[in-house]
Amino acid sequence: MSKIGKININIPEKVKVLLSGNNINIEGPLGKKTLNIDLDIFELNINDGKEVSIKPKINNKNNKRLWGMNRSLINNAIIGASKGYEKTLELTGVGYRASLNGNNLNLQLGFSHDINFEIPDGVKIKVEKQNILKISGSDKQQVGMVAAEIKGIRPPEPYKGKGIKEQGQYILRKEGKKK
């Protein structure tokens, strides 16, 4: 039995979940999401629009693996449609700053040139102070991917800790040269 798959998913009041064929349509105040679930393998029950449960039709190793993953995907889509997801990034370093220009994020990260990062649809980026970025959206995977791409431009280095890191992320620091 999958420990995660057994748990029923509660649906908030503002979110609507509809099953049409193999697709689950999740609609909420922050957006829409359509998930494709194989109904040959899984049995999906929507109870009075308040709870969703998913169970495999045949218990074997492969179905057990997919059970928890599909339950998590449905749960993440419901949370994204109702509350949304947010990640906070910090720019650490002298002269490191960010600014918004329309649909582009302009980053000054100590290179000889500025970096223009194009913001994808479905993701909002807010610049607080000049060195704190808040990335928000309804799709958990897309918010995480945008945060990872921005962090990958200038990852934190271990000697001075300069770079882009998530808020609360621990950087393993190294000692410098000794005389």
Protein backbone atom coordinates (compact mmCIF):
# COMPACT_ATOMS: atom_id res chain seq x y z
CA MET A 1 0.00 0.00 0.00
CA SER A 2 1.15 3.50 -0.79
CA LYS A 3 1.22 5.66 2.33
CA ILE A 4 0.65 8.86 0.38
CA GLY A 5 -1.84 7.36 -2.09
CA LYS A 6 -4.23 6.18 0.64
CA ILE A 7 -4.87 9.72 1.94
CA ASN A 8 -7.98 11.43 0.52
CA ILE A 9 -7.57 14.92 -0.95
CA ASN A 10 -9.83 17.63 0.49
CA ILE A 11 -11.19 20.13 -2.04
CA PRO A 12 -11.52 23.77 -0.84
CA GLU A 13 -14.85 25.57 -1.41
CA LYS A 14 -13.63 27.79 -4.27
CA VAL A 15 -12.14 24.93 -6.30
CA LYS A 16 -14.09 22.79 -8.80
CA VAL A 17 -12.87 19.33 -9.82
CA LEU A 18 -14.46 17.67 -12.85
CA LEU A 19 -13.66 14.34 -14.48
CA SER A 20 -14.06 14.15 -18.27
CA GLY A 21 -12.73 10.99 -19.89
CA ASN A 22 -9.13 10.48 -18.77
CA ASN A 23 -8.69 14.18 -17.89
CA ILE A 24 -9.22 15.84 -14.54
CA ASN A 25 -10.08 19.55 -14.85
CA ILE A 26 -9.23 21.57 -11.75
CA GLU A 27 -10.51 25.15 -11.71
CA GLY A 28 -9.96 27.70 -8.95
CA PRO A 29 -9.51 31.41 -8.29
CA LEU A 30 -5.80 31.35 -9.26
CA GLY A 31 -6.00 29.28 -12.43
CA LYS A 32 -6.95 26.14 -14.31
CA LYS A 33 -5.05 22.87 -14.64
CA THR A 34 -5.79 19.74 -16.62
CA LEU A 35 -4.20 16.44 -15.58
CA ASN A 36 -4.23 13.25 -17.62
CA ILE A 37 -4.71 10.12 -15.49
CA ASP A 38 -4.86 6.58 -16.88
CA LEU A 39 -8.25 5.25 -15.77
CA ASP A 40 -7.31 1.74 -16.97
CA ILE A 41 -4.91 1.56 -14.01
CA PHE A 42 -6.61 3.83 -11.43
CA GLU A 43 -10.10 4.31 -10.07
CA LEU A 44 -10.89 7.96 -9.26
CA ASN A 45 -13.77 8.98 -6.96
CA ILE A 46 -15.02 12.53 -6.41
CA ASN A 47 -17.28 12.62 -3.31
CA ASP A 48 -19.84 15.48 -3.43
CA GLY A 49 -17.17 17.90 -4.71
CA LYS A 50 -15.48 17.85 -1.29
CA GLU A 51 -13.02 14.94 -1.52
CA VAL A 52 -11.04 13.11 -4.17
CA SER A 53 -9.69 9.60 -3.71
CA ILE A 54 -7.56 7.54 -6.07
CA LYS A 55 -7.01 3.76 -5.89
CA PRO A 56 -5.33 1.28 -8.23
CA LYS A 57 -7.54 -1.35 -9.84
CA ILE A 58 -4.79 -4.00 -9.68
CA ASN A 59 -2.16 -4.00 -6.91
CA ASN A 60 1.27 -4.65 -8.38
CA LYS A 61 4.68 -2.98 -7.94
CA ASN A 62 4.41 -0.60 -10.89
CA ASN A 63 0.89 0.57 -9.99
CA LYS A 64 1.92 1.18 -6.36
CA ARG A 65 4.76 3.43 -7.56
CA LEU A 66 2.44 5.48 -9.76
CA TRP A 67 -0.32 5.66 -7.12
CA GLY A 68 1.43 8.09 -4.76
CA MET A 69 2.78 10.20 -7.62
CA ASN A 70 -0.64 10.67 -9.24
CA ARG A 71 -2.21 11.51 -5.88
CA SER A 72 0.52 14.14 -5.29
CA LEU A 73 0.01 15.65 -8.75
CA ILE A 74 -3.73 16.03 -8.13
CA ASN A 75 -3.12 17.48 -4.65
CA ASN A 76 -0.52 19.97 -5.97
CA ALA A 77 -2.92 21.12 -8.70
CA ILE A 78 -5.72 21.67 -6.17
CA ILE A 79 -3.45 23.62 -3.80
CA GLY A 80 -2.12 25.66 -6.75
CA ALA A 81 -5.63 26.56 -7.91
CA SER A 82 -6.70 27.69 -4.43
CA LYS A 83 -3.61 29.13 -2.67
CA GLY A 84 -0.80 29.12 -5.23
CA TYR A 85 2.92 28.53 -4.70
CA GLU A 86 5.68 30.97 -3.84
CA LYS A 87 9.47 30.85 -3.66
CA THR A 88 11.72 33.62 -2.35
CA LEU A 89 15.23 34.14 -3.73
CA GLU A 90 17.97 36.30 -2.22
CA LEU A 91 20.78 37.97 -4.18
CA THR A 92 23.90 38.17 -2.03
CA GLY A 93 26.90 40.18 -3.20
CA VAL A 94 28.15 43.74 -3.65
CA GLY A 95 26.26 45.40 -6.50
CA TYR A 96 23.93 42.44 -7.07
CA ARG A 97 20.45 43.73 -7.86
CA ALA A 98 17.32 42.93 -9.80
CA SER A 99 14.67 45.03 -11.52
CA LEU A 100 11.58 44.38 -13.64
CA ASN A 101 11.24 45.76 -17.19
CA GLY A 102 7.84 44.71 -18.49
CA ASN A 103 8.01 40.93 -19.06
CA ASN A 104 11.77 40.77 -18.44
CA LEU A 105 13.72 40.46 -15.22
CA ASN A 106 16.97 42.44 -15.39
CA LEU A 107 19.71 40.98 -13.18
CA GLN A 108 23.05 42.64 -12.36
CA LEU A 109 25.20 39.86 -10.91
CA GLY A 110 28.80 41.04 -11.20
CA PHE A 111 29.23 39.99 -14.83
CA SER A 112 30.43 42.48 -17.45
CA HIS A 113 26.86 42.58 -18.80
CA ASP A 114 23.31 42.57 -17.45
CA ILE A 115 21.24 39.40 -17.74
CA ASN A 116 17.68 39.68 -19.07
CA PHE A 117 15.52 36.76 -17.96
CA GLU A 118 12.20 36.42 -19.80
CA ILE A 119 9.35 35.63 -17.39
CA PRO A 120 7.17 32.75 -18.69
CA ASP A 121 3.36 32.91 -18.72
CA GLY A 122 1.66 31.74 -15.53
CA VAL A 123 4.48 32.98 -13.27
CA LYS A 124 4.66 36.34 -11.50
CA ILE A 125 7.93 37.77 -10.21
CA LYS A 126 7.96 40.59 -7.68
CA VAL A 127 11.15 42.45 -6.74
CA GLU A 128 11.33 43.51 -3.10
CA LYS A 129 14.15 45.85 -2.00
CA GLN A 130 16.55 45.14 -4.89
CA ASN A 131 18.00 41.89 -3.77
CA ILE A 132 14.91 39.83 -2.90
CA LEU A 133 12.75 38.14 -5.57
CA LYS A 134 9.35 36.55 -4.93
CA ILE A 135 8.31 34.04 -7.58
CA SER A 136 4.65 32.98 -7.45
CA GLY A 137 2.23 31.01 -9.58
CA SER A 138 -0.40 28.29 -9.57
CA ASP A 139 1.80 25.49 -11.01
CA LYS A 140 4.28 24.08 -8.48
CA GLN A 141 6.58 22.61 -11.12
CA GLN A 142 6.74 25.81 -13.17
CA VAL A 143 7.48 28.00 -10.09
CA GLY A 144 10.26 25.60 -9.07
CA MET A 145 11.72 25.51 -12.59
CA VAL A 146 11.82 29.32 -12.88
CA ALA A 147 13.49 29.56 -9.45
CA ALA A 148 16.04 26.90 -10.45
CA GLU A 149 16.83 28.66 -13.75
CA ILE A 150 17.39 31.99 -11.97
CA LYS A 151 19.54 30.31 -9.28
CA GLY A 152 21.56 28.59 -12.02
CA ILE A 153 22.65 31.92 -13.50
CA ARG A 154 24.86 32.63 -10.46
CA PRO A 155 24.87 29.80 -7.86
CA PRO A 156 26.25 30.71 -4.41
CA GLU A 157 29.98 30.17 -4.04
CA PRO A 158 31.43 28.64 -0.85
CA TYR A 159 34.06 31.28 0.11
CA LYS A 160 32.10 34.54 0.38
CA GLY A 161 28.59 33.18 -0.19
CA LYS A 162 27.97 35.48 -3.16
CA GLY A 163 25.26 34.41 -5.61
CA ILE A 164 21.54 33.66 -5.77
CA LYS A 165 20.07 31.37 -3.13
CA GLU A 166 16.64 30.46 -1.79
CA GLN A 167 15.59 32.10 1.44
CA GLY A 168 16.67 29.89 4.30
CA GLN A 169 19.04 27.78 2.15
CA TYR A 170 22.26 26.87 3.99
CA ILE A 171 25.51 27.46 2.11
CA LEU A 172 28.44 25.27 3.14
CA ARG A 173 31.25 27.78 3.72
CA LYS A 174 34.94 27.06 3.22
CA GLU A 175 37.91 28.68 4.87
CA GLY A 176 40.13 30.85 2.67
CA LYS A 177 43.92 30.64 2.13
CA LYS A 178 46.20 30.75 5.16
CA LYS A 179 49.60 32.38 5.37
